């Protein structure tokens, strides 16, 4: 799959994101980011913590259950659970971005 290029805010060069890097912090917090290959500017994509990663694992398990569900009621129940976990993750990741984002490169 061809990925469209992004434009660096700092050096204004276009580039394709080749890899997402991972930086670990105390308390189980992880920062996912990419780097401009021209000027080395770092762009944070998102932060996670143990709660977010646990929710992501639960969502994957629920998607697996949806594929094997034998009734629409079960599918709807699993979808409702996934939406609750997704909403919780969105709030938690926004909180982490606000808490951790200061001094850790530009937020994108």
N, C-alpha and C. Protein backbone atom coordinates (compact mmCIF):
# COMPACT_ATOMS: atom_id res chain seq x y z
N UNK A 1 0.85 -1.18 0.00
CA UNK A 1 0.00 0.00 0.00
C UNK A 1 0.89 1.24 0.00
N UNK A 2 0.68 2.11 -0.95
CA UNK A 2 1.45 3.35 -1.03
C UNK A 2 0.90 4.37 -0.05
N UNK A 3 1.79 4.87 0.75
CA UNK A 3 1.43 5.86 1.75
C UNK A 3 1.69 7.25 1.19
N UNK A 4 0.76 8.17 1.36
CA UNK A 4 1.00 9.53 0.86
C UNK A 4 2.09 10.21 1.69
N UNK A 5 2.85 11.10 1.07
CA UNK A 5 3.89 11.81 1.82
C UNK A 5 3.28 12.81 2.80
N UNK A 6 4.04 13.09 3.85
CA UNK A 6 3.68 14.14 4.80
C UNK A 6 4.69 15.27 4.63
N UNK A 7 4.34 16.44 5.11
CA UNK A 7 5.21 17.60 4.98
C UNK A 7 5.66 18.02 6.37
N UNK A 8 6.95 18.14 6.55
CA UNK A 8 7.51 18.53 7.84
C UNK A 8 7.21 20.01 8.11
N UNK A 9 6.69 20.28 9.29
CA UNK A 9 6.40 21.66 9.70
C UNK A 9 7.67 22.48 9.88
N UNK A 10 8.77 21.81 10.22
CA UNK A 10 10.02 22.52 10.51
C UNK A 10 10.81 22.83 9.24
N UNK A 11 11.13 21.81 8.45
CA UNK A 11 12.00 22.04 7.28
C UNK A 11 11.23 22.13 5.97
N UNK A 12 9.93 21.86 6.02
CA UNK A 12 9.02 21.96 4.86
C UNK A 12 9.27 20.90 3.78
N UNK A 13 10.07 19.89 4.06
CA UNK A 13 10.34 18.82 3.11
C UNK A 13 9.24 17.76 3.20
N UNK A 14 8.92 17.15 2.05
CA UNK A 14 7.98 16.03 2.02
C UNK A 14 8.73 14.73 2.28
N UNK A 15 8.06 13.78 2.97
CA UNK A 15 8.65 12.47 3.19
C UNK A 15 7.55 11.46 3.49
N UNK A 16 7.87 10.21 3.29
CA UNK A 16 6.95 9.12 3.61
C UNK A 16 7.38 8.54 4.95
N UNK A 17 6.42 8.32 5.84
CA UNK A 17 6.72 7.74 7.14
C UNK A 17 7.11 6.28 6.92
N UNK A 18 8.33 5.95 7.28
CA UNK A 18 8.83 4.58 7.08
C UNK A 18 8.67 3.72 8.33
N UNK A 19 8.73 4.35 9.49
CA UNK A 19 8.65 3.58 10.74
C UNK A 19 8.06 4.45 11.84
N UNK A 20 7.34 3.80 12.73
CA UNK A 20 6.87 4.45 13.95
C UNK A 20 7.81 4.00 15.06
N UNK A 21 8.39 4.96 15.75
CA UNK A 21 9.33 4.69 16.83
C UNK A 21 8.56 4.59 18.15
N UNK A 22 9.19 3.97 19.14
CA UNK A 22 8.57 3.79 20.45
C UNK A 22 9.53 4.26 21.53
N UNK A 23 9.04 5.11 22.41
CA UNK A 23 9.81 5.58 23.56
C UNK A 23 9.03 5.22 24.82
N UNK A 24 9.71 4.59 25.77
CA UNK A 24 9.06 4.16 27.00
C UNK A 24 9.40 5.10 28.15
N UNK A 25 8.38 5.37 28.97
CA UNK A 25 8.52 6.23 30.14
C UNK A 25 8.16 5.43 31.38
N UNK A 26 8.50 5.98 32.53
CA UNK A 26 8.10 5.37 33.80
C UNK A 26 6.58 5.26 33.86
N UNK A 27 6.11 4.30 34.61
CA UNK A 27 4.67 4.13 34.80
C UNK A 27 4.00 3.41 33.65
N UNK A 28 4.77 2.80 32.77
CA UNK A 28 4.19 2.03 31.67
C UNK A 28 3.68 2.88 30.51
N UNK A 29 4.04 4.16 30.48
CA UNK A 29 3.59 5.03 29.39
C UNK A 29 4.53 4.86 28.21
N UNK A 30 3.95 4.77 27.01
CA UNK A 30 4.72 4.65 25.78
C UNK A 30 4.31 5.75 24.81
N UNK A 31 5.32 6.32 24.16
CA UNK A 31 5.10 7.36 23.15
C UNK A 31 5.43 6.76 21.78
N UNK A 32 4.49 6.86 20.86
CA UNK A 32 4.70 6.43 19.48
C UNK A 32 4.90 7.69 18.65
N UNK A 33 5.95 7.69 17.82
CA UNK A 33 6.26 8.89 17.05
C UNK A 33 7.02 8.52 15.78
N UNK A 34 7.11 9.48 14.85
CA UNK A 34 7.94 9.31 13.67
C UNK A 34 8.87 10.51 13.55
N UNK A 35 9.91 10.35 12.74
CA UNK A 35 10.97 11.36 12.63
C UNK A 35 11.11 11.80 11.18
N UNK A 36 11.23 13.09 10.98
CA UNK A 36 11.53 13.62 9.65
C UNK A 36 12.95 13.21 9.29
N UNK A 37 13.13 12.53 8.15
CA UNK A 37 14.48 12.08 7.78
C UNK A 37 15.39 13.22 7.32
N UNK A 38 14.83 14.39 7.08
CA UNK A 38 15.61 15.53 6.60
C UNK A 38 16.20 16.35 7.75
N UNK A 39 15.37 16.63 8.77
CA UNK A 39 15.83 17.50 9.85
C UNK A 39 15.75 16.84 11.24
N UNK A 40 15.25 15.62 11.29
CA UNK A 40 15.16 14.84 12.54
C UNK A 40 14.09 15.35 13.52
N UNK A 41 13.19 16.21 13.06
CA UNK A 41 12.08 16.66 13.90
C UNK A 41 11.21 15.44 14.24
N UNK A 42 10.77 15.38 15.50
CA UNK A 42 9.94 14.26 15.95
C UNK A 42 8.48 14.68 16.04
N UNK A 43 7.60 13.78 15.59
CA UNK A 43 6.15 14.02 15.62
C UNK A 43 5.47 12.90 16.39
N UNK A 44 4.87 13.25 17.51
CA UNK A 44 4.17 12.27 18.32
C UNK A 44 2.86 11.89 17.64
N UNK A 45 2.64 10.58 17.50
CA UNK A 45 1.37 10.12 16.94
C UNK A 45 0.37 9.86 18.05
N UNK A 46 0.82 9.20 19.13
CA UNK A 46 -0.05 8.97 20.28
C UNK A 46 0.76 8.43 21.45
N UNK A 47 0.13 8.49 22.63
CA UNK A 47 0.67 7.90 23.85
C UNK A 47 -0.26 6.78 24.29
N UNK A 48 0.30 5.76 24.91
CA UNK A 48 -0.51 4.71 25.52
C UNK A 48 0.02 4.44 26.92
N UNK A 49 -0.82 3.80 27.73
CA UNK A 49 -0.40 3.29 29.02
C UNK A 49 -0.99 1.89 29.18
N UNK A 50 -0.82 1.29 30.32
CA UNK A 50 -1.29 -0.08 30.52
C UNK A 50 -2.81 -0.18 30.31
N UNK A 51 -3.53 0.81 30.77
CA UNK A 51 -4.99 0.80 30.61
C UNK A 51 -5.39 0.80 29.14
N UNK A 52 -4.77 1.67 28.35
CA UNK A 52 -5.08 1.76 26.92
C UNK A 52 -4.75 0.46 26.22
N UNK A 53 -3.57 -0.09 26.52
CA UNK A 53 -3.17 -1.34 25.85
C UNK A 53 -4.06 -2.51 26.27
N UNK A 54 -4.50 -2.53 27.52
CA UNK A 54 -5.43 -3.58 27.97
C UNK A 54 -6.76 -3.46 27.22
N UNK A 55 -7.25 -2.23 27.07
CA UNK A 55 -8.49 -2.01 26.31
C UNK A 55 -8.32 -2.45 24.86
N UNK A 56 -7.17 -2.17 24.26
CA UNK A 56 -6.93 -2.57 22.88
C UNK A 56 -6.95 -4.09 22.74
N UNK A 57 -6.37 -4.78 23.70
CA UNK A 57 -6.38 -6.25 23.69
C UNK A 57 -7.81 -6.77 23.83
N UNK A 58 -8.59 -6.16 24.72
CA UNK A 58 -9.99 -6.56 24.90
C UNK A 58 -10.80 -6.32 23.63
N UNK A 59 -10.54 -5.19 22.95
CA UNK A 59 -11.27 -4.90 21.70
C UNK A 59 -10.94 -5.94 20.63
N UNK A 60 -9.69 -6.34 20.54
CA UNK A 60 -9.31 -7.37 19.57
C UNK A 60 -10.02 -8.68 19.86
N UNK A 61 -10.12 -9.04 21.13
CA UNK A 61 -10.81 -10.27 21.51
C UNK A 61 -12.30 -10.18 21.17
N UNK A 62 -12.89 -9.01 21.38
CA UNK A 62 -14.31 -8.82 21.06
C UNK A 62 -14.55 -8.88 19.55
N UNK A 63 -13.62 -8.34 18.74
CA UNK A 63 -13.76 -8.44 17.28
C UNK A 63 -13.70 -9.90 16.85
N UNK A 64 -12.86 -10.68 17.48
CA UNK A 64 -12.77 -12.11 17.20
C UNK A 64 -14.10 -12.78 17.54
N UNK A 65 -14.69 -12.40 18.69
CA UNK A 65 -15.98 -12.98 19.10
C UNK A 65 -17.08 -12.59 18.12
N UNK A 66 -17.04 -11.39 17.58
CA UNK A 66 -18.05 -10.95 16.60
C UNK A 66 -18.01 -11.84 15.38
N UNK A 67 -16.83 -12.18 14.91
CA UNK A 67 -16.70 -13.04 13.73
C UNK A 67 -17.31 -14.42 13.96
N UNK A 68 -17.37 -14.85 15.20
CA UNK A 68 -17.88 -16.18 15.52
C UNK A 68 -19.26 -16.17 16.17
N UNK A 69 -19.83 -14.98 16.32
CA UNK A 69 -21.14 -14.87 16.98
C UNK A 69 -22.22 -15.53 16.15
N UNK A 70 -23.18 -16.13 16.85
CA UNK A 70 -24.27 -16.83 16.15
C UNK A 70 -25.61 -16.11 16.28
N UNK A 71 -25.57 -14.87 16.78
CA UNK A 71 -26.82 -14.10 16.83
C UNK A 71 -26.50 -12.61 16.74
N UNK A 72 -27.46 -11.90 16.21
CA UNK A 72 -27.30 -10.44 16.07
C UNK A 72 -27.25 -9.77 17.45
N UNK A 73 -27.94 -10.36 18.43
CA UNK A 73 -27.91 -9.80 19.78
C UNK A 73 -26.49 -9.84 20.36
N UNK A 74 -25.79 -10.96 20.13
CA UNK A 74 -24.41 -11.06 20.61
C UNK A 74 -23.52 -10.05 19.89
N UNK A 75 -23.69 -9.96 18.58
CA UNK A 75 -22.90 -8.99 17.81
C UNK A 75 -23.11 -7.59 18.35
N UNK A 76 -24.36 -7.21 18.56
CA UNK A 76 -24.67 -5.87 19.06
C UNK A 76 -24.09 -5.63 20.46
N UNK A 77 -24.14 -6.66 21.31
CA UNK A 77 -23.58 -6.54 22.65
C UNK A 77 -22.06 -6.33 22.57
N UNK A 78 -21.39 -7.11 21.72
CA UNK A 78 -19.94 -6.97 21.56
C UNK A 78 -19.58 -5.60 20.98
N UNK A 79 -20.37 -5.14 20.00
CA UNK A 79 -20.12 -3.81 19.41
C UNK A 79 -20.26 -2.71 20.45
N UNK A 80 -21.23 -2.84 21.33
CA UNK A 80 -21.44 -1.85 22.40
C UNK A 80 -20.24 -1.84 23.35
N UNK A 81 -19.72 -3.03 23.67
CA UNK A 81 -18.55 -3.12 24.54
C UNK A 81 -17.32 -2.50 23.86
N UNK A 82 -17.16 -2.76 22.57
CA UNK A 82 -16.04 -2.18 21.82
C UNK A 82 -16.13 -0.66 21.83
N UNK A 83 -17.31 -0.13 21.60
CA UNK A 83 -17.48 1.32 21.58
C UNK A 83 -17.16 1.94 22.94
N UNK A 84 -17.55 1.28 24.02
CA UNK A 84 -17.23 1.80 25.36
C UNK A 84 -15.72 1.81 25.58
N UNK A 85 -15.04 0.75 25.17
CA UNK A 85 -13.59 0.68 25.31
C UNK A 85 -12.90 1.73 24.43
N UNK A 86 -13.39 1.90 23.19
CA UNK A 86 -12.83 2.89 22.28
C UNK A 86 -12.97 4.30 22.85
N UNK A 87 -14.13 4.59 23.40
CA UNK A 87 -14.38 5.89 24.00
C UNK A 87 -13.46 6.13 25.20
N UNK A 88 -13.30 5.11 26.03
CA UNK A 88 -12.40 5.21 27.18
C UNK A 88 -10.97 5.46 26.71
N UNK A 89 -10.55 4.74 25.66
CA UNK A 89 -9.19 4.94 25.14
C UNK A 89 -8.99 6.33 24.58
N UNK A 90 -9.97 6.84 23.88
CA UNK A 90 -9.86 8.19 23.33
C UNK A 90 -9.64 9.20 24.44
N UNK A 91 -10.43 9.10 25.50
CA UNK A 91 -10.29 10.04 26.63
C UNK A 91 -8.93 9.88 27.31
N UNK A 92 -8.52 8.63 27.53
CA UNK A 92 -7.26 8.38 28.22
C UNK A 92 -6.07 8.82 27.36
N UNK A 93 -6.11 8.57 26.07
CA UNK A 93 -5.01 8.98 25.19
C UNK A 93 -4.92 10.50 25.09
N UNK A 94 -6.06 11.18 25.08
CA UNK A 94 -6.05 12.65 25.09
C UNK A 94 -5.46 13.18 26.39
N UNK A 95 -5.80 12.53 27.49
CA UNK A 95 -5.26 12.93 28.79
C UNK A 95 -3.74 12.73 28.80
N UNK A 96 -3.29 11.59 28.28
CA UNK A 96 -1.85 11.32 28.23
C UNK A 96 -1.13 12.33 27.34
N UNK A 97 -1.73 12.65 26.20
CA UNK A 97 -1.11 13.62 25.28
C UNK A 97 -0.95 14.97 25.98
N UNK A 98 -1.97 15.37 26.73
CA UNK A 98 -1.90 16.63 27.44
C UNK A 98 -0.84 16.58 28.54
N UNK A 99 -0.83 15.49 29.28
CA UNK A 99 0.12 15.33 30.39
C UNK A 99 1.56 15.18 29.91
N UNK A 100 1.77 14.36 28.88
CA UNK A 100 3.12 14.01 28.44
C UNK A 100 3.62 14.90 27.30
N UNK A 101 2.72 15.50 26.55
CA UNK A 101 3.09 16.21 25.34
C UNK A 101 4.00 17.40 25.55
N UNK A 102 3.98 17.95 26.71
CA UNK A 102 4.81 19.13 26.99
C UNK A 102 6.28 18.73 26.99
N UNK A 103 7.02 19.27 26.01
CA UNK A 103 8.46 19.03 25.96
C UNK A 103 8.88 17.75 25.25
N UNK A 104 7.94 17.05 24.60
CA UNK A 104 8.28 15.81 23.91
C UNK A 104 8.08 15.90 22.40
N UNK A 105 8.35 17.04 21.81
CA UNK A 105 8.23 17.21 20.37
C UNK A 105 6.86 17.71 20.01
N UNK A 106 6.68 18.15 18.77
CA UNK A 106 5.41 18.70 18.33
C UNK A 106 4.32 17.64 18.32
N UNK A 107 3.15 18.05 18.63
CA UNK A 107 2.00 17.15 18.58
C UNK A 107 1.39 17.25 17.21
N UNK A 108 1.09 16.12 16.60
CA UNK A 108 0.49 16.16 15.28
C UNK A 108 -0.88 15.55 15.29
